[in-house]
Amino acid sequence: MDDVASGLPVREFRWYRGRKHYSGWYHAATTGRMVVYESRLELARILIADFASEITEIAAQPFQLVGPDGPRVRRHVPDLFLVHADGLVTVVDVKAPARMKDPKVIAQFDWTRQVCSRRGWVYETWSGAEPAVVENVRFLAGYRRRDLVDISLIARVLDAAAGQTTIGGIEATMAGQPCEIVRPVILHLVWSGRLVTDLHAPLNRASRIRVAA
Protein backbone atom coordinates (compact mmCIF):
# COMPACT_ATOMS: atom_id res chain seq x y z
CA MET A 1 0.00 0.00 0.00
CA ASP A 2 2.83 2.43 0.84
CA ASP A 3 4.52 1.71 -2.50
CA VAL A 4 1.30 2.52 -4.34
CA ALA A 5 0.66 5.72 -2.36
CA SER A 6 4.17 7.07 -2.93
CA GLY A 7 4.63 5.83 -6.50
CA LEU A 8 4.51 7.67 -9.81
CA PRO A 9 1.52 7.55 -12.20
CA VAL A 10 1.48 4.36 -14.24
CA ARG A 11 0.90 6.14 -17.54
CA GLU A 12 2.43 9.07 -19.34
CA PHE A 13 0.55 12.35 -19.72
CA ARG A 14 0.70 14.28 -22.97
CA TRP A 15 0.00 17.95 -23.52
CA TYR A 16 -0.85 19.24 -26.98
CA ARG A 17 -2.70 22.08 -28.68
CA GLY A 18 -6.45 21.47 -28.87
CA ARG A 19 -6.55 18.91 -26.08
CA LYS A 20 -10.07 18.84 -24.60
CA HIS A 21 -9.01 18.16 -21.01
CA TYR A 22 -7.01 20.50 -18.79
CA SER A 23 -4.14 18.54 -17.22
CA GLY A 24 -1.49 19.57 -14.72
CA TRP A 25 0.19 19.00 -11.39
CA TYR A 26 -1.06 19.98 -7.92
CA HIS A 27 1.15 20.25 -4.83
CA ALA A 28 -0.75 18.40 -2.09
CA ALA A 29 -0.39 19.77 1.43
CA THR A 30 -1.33 16.33 2.78
CA THR A 31 1.75 14.62 1.35
CA GLY A 32 4.08 17.45 0.38
CA ARG A 33 4.26 15.87 -3.10
CA MET A 34 2.95 16.70 -6.55
CA VAL A 35 -0.22 14.93 -7.72
CA VAL A 36 -1.10 14.81 -11.41
CA TYR A 37 -4.61 15.43 -12.72
CA GLU A 38 -6.14 14.97 -16.16
CA SER A 39 -9.11 17.35 -15.89
CA ARG A 40 -10.49 20.20 -13.82
CA LEU A 41 -13.04 17.77 -12.40
CA GLU A 42 -10.28 15.43 -11.27
CA LEU A 43 -8.44 18.37 -9.72
CA ALA A 44 -11.58 19.25 -7.76
CA ARG A 45 -11.68 15.75 -6.25
CA ILE A 46 -7.97 16.00 -5.36
CA LEU A 47 -8.56 19.36 -3.67
CA ILE A 48 -11.37 17.89 -1.57
CA ALA A 49 -9.13 14.94 -0.60
CA ASP A 50 -6.29 17.31 0.30
CA PHE A 51 -8.69 19.36 2.46
CA ALA A 52 -10.04 16.31 4.31
CA SER A 53 -8.22 15.83 7.62
CA GLU A 54 -8.77 12.07 7.59
CA ILE A 55 -6.81 11.56 4.35
CA THR A 56 -3.09 10.87 4.79
CA GLU A 57 -2.01 9.80 1.27
CA ILE A 58 -3.11 10.83 -2.22
CA ALA A 59 -1.90 9.18 -5.44
CA ALA A 60 -3.20 9.66 -8.98
CA GLN A 61 -3.39 6.97 -11.69
CA PRO A 62 -1.72 4.68 -9.13
CA PHE A 63 -1.92 1.29 -10.86
CA GLN A 64 -3.50 -0.66 -13.68
CA LEU A 65 -6.08 -3.32 -12.92
CA VAL A 66 -6.11 -6.29 -15.30
CA GLY A 67 -8.47 -9.22 -15.02
CA PRO A 68 -11.38 -11.20 -16.44
CA ASP A 69 -14.88 -9.83 -16.66
CA GLY A 70 -16.94 -12.64 -18.10
CA PRO A 71 -15.50 -13.54 -21.53
CA ARG A 72 -13.37 -10.40 -21.83
CA VAL A 73 -10.21 -9.15 -20.14
CA ARG A 74 -10.46 -5.65 -18.73
CA ARG A 75 -7.68 -3.16 -18.22
CA HIS A 76 -8.37 -0.05 -16.18
CA VAL A 77 -6.35 2.66 -14.43
CA PRO A 78 -8.35 4.24 -11.58
CA ASP A 79 -8.00 7.99 -11.12
CA LEU A 80 -7.14 8.25 -7.42
CA PHE A 81 -5.87 6.17 -4.52
CA LEU A 82 -6.64 7.66 -1.09
CA VAL A 83 -5.38 6.34 2.24
CA HIS A 84 -7.23 7.30 5.42
CA ALA A 85 -5.69 7.80 8.85
CA ASP A 86 -7.33 4.58 10.07
CA GLY A 87 -5.80 2.56 7.22
CA LEU A 88 -8.93 2.47 5.07
CA VAL A 89 -8.26 2.77 1.33
CA THR A 90 -10.58 4.47 -1.13
CA VAL A 91 -10.12 4.03 -4.88
CA VAL A 92 -11.80 6.78 -6.89
CA ASP A 93 -12.91 7.06 -10.50
CA VAL A 94 -13.86 10.55 -11.66
CA LYS A 95 -16.29 10.93 -14.55
CA ALA A 96 -18.23 13.85 -15.97
CA PRO A 97 -21.94 13.76 -14.97
CA ALA A 98 -22.96 13.23 -18.60
CA ARG A 99 -21.03 9.93 -18.72
CA MET A 100 -22.24 8.43 -15.45
CA LYS A 101 -25.16 6.61 -17.12
CA ASP A 102 -23.19 5.30 -20.09
CA PRO A 103 -23.60 1.47 -20.07
CA LYS A 104 -19.91 0.95 -20.85
CA VAL A 105 -18.89 3.23 -17.98
CA ILE A 106 -21.33 1.50 -15.61
CA ALA A 107 -19.89 -1.91 -16.57
CA GLN A 108 -16.38 -0.66 -15.88
CA PHE A 109 -17.49 0.76 -12.53
CA ASP A 110 -19.12 -2.54 -11.54
CA TRP A 111 -16.03 -4.55 -12.42
CA THR A 112 -13.67 -2.15 -10.63
CA ARG A 113 -15.89 -2.17 -7.54
CA GLN A 114 -15.73 -5.97 -7.41
CA VAL A 115 -11.94 -5.99 -7.73
CA CYS A 116 -11.53 -3.36 -5.00
CA SER A 117 -13.95 -5.20 -2.73
CA ARG A 118 -11.77 -8.32 -2.87
CA ARG A 119 -8.88 -6.23 -1.50
CA GLY A 120 -11.03 -4.70 1.23
CA TRP A 121 -10.92 -1.30 -0.46
CA VAL A 122 -13.78 1.16 -0.78
CA TYR A 123 -14.62 2.14 -4.36
CA GLU A 124 -16.05 5.57 -5.15
CA THR A 125 -17.37 7.03 -8.39
CA TRP A 126 -17.38 10.82 -8.35
CA SER A 127 -18.88 13.34 -10.75
CA GLY A 128 -18.73 16.48 -8.65
CA ALA A 129 -19.93 18.04 -5.41
CA GLU A 130 -21.94 21.10 -4.45
CA PRO A 131 -20.39 23.97 -6.47
CA ALA A 132 -20.15 26.35 -3.50
CA VAL A 133 -18.22 23.77 -1.48
CA VAL A 134 -15.83 22.99 -4.35
CA GLU A 135 -15.16 26.68 -5.01
CA ASN A 136 -14.57 27.41 -1.31
CA VAL A 137 -12.14 24.51 -1.01
CA ARG A 138 -10.41 25.65 -4.22
CA PHE A 139 -10.09 29.16 -2.71
CA LEU A 140 -8.83 27.88 0.66
CA ALA A 141 -6.21 25.76 -1.12
CA GLY A 142 -4.42 29.00 -1.91
CA TYR A 143 -3.67 29.25 1.82
CA ARG A 144 -2.74 25.62 2.43
CA ARG A 145 1.00 26.18 2.75
CA ARG A 146 2.05 27.04 6.27
CA ASP A 147 5.29 28.66 5.08
CA LEU A 148 3.33 31.34 3.18
CA VAL A 149 1.45 32.76 6.21
CA ASP A 150 2.66 34.55 9.34
CA ILE A 151 2.69 31.57 11.71
CA SER A 152 3.65 33.83 14.63
CA LEU A 153 0.02 35.06 14.61
CA ILE A 154 -1.62 31.62 14.80
CA ALA A 155 -1.95 31.54 18.58
CA ARG A 156 -3.36 35.08 18.66
CA VAL A 157 -5.86 34.33 15.92
CA LEU A 158 -7.07 31.20 17.73
CA ASP A 159 -7.43 33.19 20.97
CA ALA A 160 -9.41 35.86 19.10
CA ALA A 161 -11.60 33.21 17.45
CA ALA A 162 -12.59 31.86 20.87
CA GLY A 163 -14.40 35.15 21.55
CA GLN A 164 -15.63 36.04 18.06
CA THR A 165 -18.20 34.52 15.73
CA THR A 166 -17.18 35.87 12.31
CA ILE A 167 -14.06 36.24 10.19
CA GLY A 168 -14.48 40.02 10.30
CA GLY A 169 -14.79 39.90 14.08
CA ILE A 170 -11.46 38.10 14.39
CA GLU A 171 -9.82 40.64 12.09
CA ALA A 172 -11.22 43.54 14.13
CA THR A 173 -9.87 42.03 17.35
CA MET A 174 -6.36 41.80 15.92
CA ALA A 175 -5.68 45.50 16.48
CA GLY A 176 -2.52 46.79 14.87
CA GLN A 177 -2.22 43.90 12.41
CA PRO A 178 -3.08 44.59 8.75
CA CYS A 179 -6.01 42.62 7.37
CA GLU A 180 -3.86 41.36 4.50
CA ILE A 181 -1.63 39.67 7.09
CA VAL A 182 -4.35 38.38 9.43
CA ARG A 183 -6.81 37.01 6.87
CA PRO A 184 -4.35 34.53 5.28
CA VAL A 185 -3.71 33.13 8.77
CA ILE A 186 -7.45 32.72 9.37
CA LEU A 187 -7.94 31.01 6.01
CA HIS A 188 -4.94 28.76 6.59
CA LEU A 189 -6.45 27.68 9.92
CA VAL A 190 -9.75 26.91 8.16
CA TRP A 191 -7.87 24.84 5.59
CA SER A 192 -5.99 22.95 8.30
CA GLY A 193 -9.20 22.30 10.25
CA ARG A 194 -8.33 24.30 13.35
CA LEU A 195 -11.08 26.78 12.54
CA VAL A 196 -14.47 25.67 11.20
CA THR A 197 -16.91 27.56 8.99
CA ASP A 198 -19.84 26.76 6.70
CA LEU A 199 -18.49 26.02 3.22
CA HIS A 200 -21.94 25.87 1.62
CA ALA A 201 -21.99 29.66 1.24
CA PRO A 202 -19.35 32.00 -0.23
CA LEU A 203 -16.68 32.95 2.31
CA ASN A 204 -16.56 36.61 3.36
CA ARG A 205 -16.04 38.80 6.45
CA ALA A 206 -19.53 37.90 7.71
CA SER A 207 -18.92 34.13 7.55
CA ARG A 208 -19.52 32.56 10.94
CA ILE A 209 -16.51 30.75 12.33
CA ARG A 210 -15.52 28.79 15.42
CA VAL A 211 -12.54 27.00 16.89
CA ALA A 212 -12.62 23.26 16.09
CA ALA A 213 -13.42 20.92 18.95
Foldseek 3Di string as FASTA:
>chain_A
DVCLLPDAAPDDDDDDPPDPADKDWDQQLLARHIEIDGHVQLVLVVLVLSLDPFWRTKYALRDWDWDDDPPDIDIDRFGMWTAGPVGAIETEHEDAPVCPPPPVVVSVQVVVCVVCVVVVHHYYYDHDDQVLLSVLSVVLVVLQDPVVADVVCLVVLQVQQAVDFWQLSSVVVPPPDDPVRPVSSVSNCCSNPQKDWDSNDHHDRGTTIHGHD
